[in-house]
Amino acid sequence: MSIGKSVLSELKKELNQNEYDKYLKNIHYDEINSRSDIAIFTAANIIIAKWIKTKYRDKIAHLFEIQSGIKPQVDIVVGKIDKKTKKRISVKEHKTGTKSTHLNPSFTFESFIVGGSNQFAYTTAKSVAEKPGMQYNPLFIYGGVGLGKTHLLQAIGNFQVAQGKKIIYTTLEQFMNKYISHVKSQTMDRFRDHFRECDLLLIDDIQFLSRKEQTQEEFFHTFNELHHAKKQIVITSDRQPNKIAGLVDRLKSRFEWGLMADIQPPELETKIAIIEKKCDLDGIKLNNEIINYIATNMGDNIREIEGTLIKLNAMSSMLNQDITLEFTKTAIKDQLKEKQENVSIDHIVKIISKEMNVKPSDIRSKKRTRNVVNARRIVIYLARNLTPNSMPQIAQYVGMKDHTAISHAMKKINEIIESDENFKVLLEEFSNKIGTTPKKNE
């Protein structure tokens, strides 16, 4: 066995099977072109090559040093090894498509944690990635900030780049800036060719198209051209098309042609799984107590939670301290303080009790009559979404046992939201009323 194969064999022991099958299984040691000071591996495509360089290059170099005593420069190139000659054969990459994507190679379907809150969006995104332009076109993914919309959007792109397709991933802001630039330089033909000669167009944050009349007009024609050519369009937004103010009706209509998939805030179990996965990928060691503390106190913004994990790891390294629960509480106390808002649970209870004709004291009691239970659930839902209070704090306020009871209540109310559109509208009305009602002198 060559030293390169031996190194890969050792690396396999340190990875979970899914990660190995997705990435390390698809690279090969280039024995002919490698030297003692340079170890060359080939990858099937640029996505895998970039991922290996980012995540494993230093580890591979270290394993070489253990086996040979020399720490080589590790290079991952795109190509394949001819089985007969053992020589490397270069594989032509779709450079134009790859350069225009700006995709994060870590955003894959394999690295996305699936739970009840995002199962439908994940399944439809994967279906679109496997059969673009066939069934759900456009795919419109919507949900709050930091819940995984961009991850799924780019997972579709990474999947298709690996198939050699030309992908364009862009935010709406980037689309708009390019449009303005080409209008000024009178090169609109180049702009249109760029966005219409692709296999998949992935647009992030389409809600910023609101009230941009000229950009809407241009995007409308780009959408029509791609859709007519059966090219896949995937769009993300923080809200449904009919909730985007200042969006022309014909665009709202087209966004609803395909399939709309929403991502809800993750339930506690999914948040814990996401934290565990992130720690596993980045080599961060946290015990269950710390993971549960972060999951129950940091809110539902997954991007923010991932930032917290990076901060903890960096502080631990710089201060040369282990990450304990006390260390964690100290490290993130300012973040939790910054999340404080004007909305309080007391204010929510006051509004809901008045609107639903329930005594505030009943909401905080153990009464189980139907109207009290409904009011209590609504208070829990709004407190979770409109205030910085953690699940343990909300549980204590409404007289429930612990954060698990709050998690179950959130799961139940999300199920009702999915099945009852009238209830969903009622919640939105309550949210608006709470957000706009003066809270001074209460």
Foldseek 3Di string as FASTA:
>chain_A
DDLLVVLLVVVVVLDDPLVCVVAVVFKAWLVVPADLQETEIEGQADLSQVVCVVFPQQVSQVSSCVVPVYRHRYHYYYFDADPPVSHTDHDDAPVLLVVQAPFDSCLALSLDQDDPQCPVVSVVLVVCLVPPLPAFAAEEEAAAAQQCPSSSLSNSVNSVSSVRFREHEDEVVVLVVVVVVCVVVVNVVVSLCSLQPGQEYEYEACLVCAQVVVSLVVVLVSSVSCSVVSRYYYYYHHDQLVPRHRRDPVVSVNNVPGYYHYGYQDFLVSQLVSVVSLCSSVVNDDDPVQSSCLSQQVARNNVVSSVLSVQQVVVCVVVVHHDDNVSSCVSCVVVLVVQADPFDLVLLLVLLCVVLVHDSVLQLDPDDPPSSLVSVLLSLQCCRVPGSDGLQVSCVRSVHDGSVVSSVSNVVVVVCVVVPVVVVVVSVVSNVCSVPPDDPPD
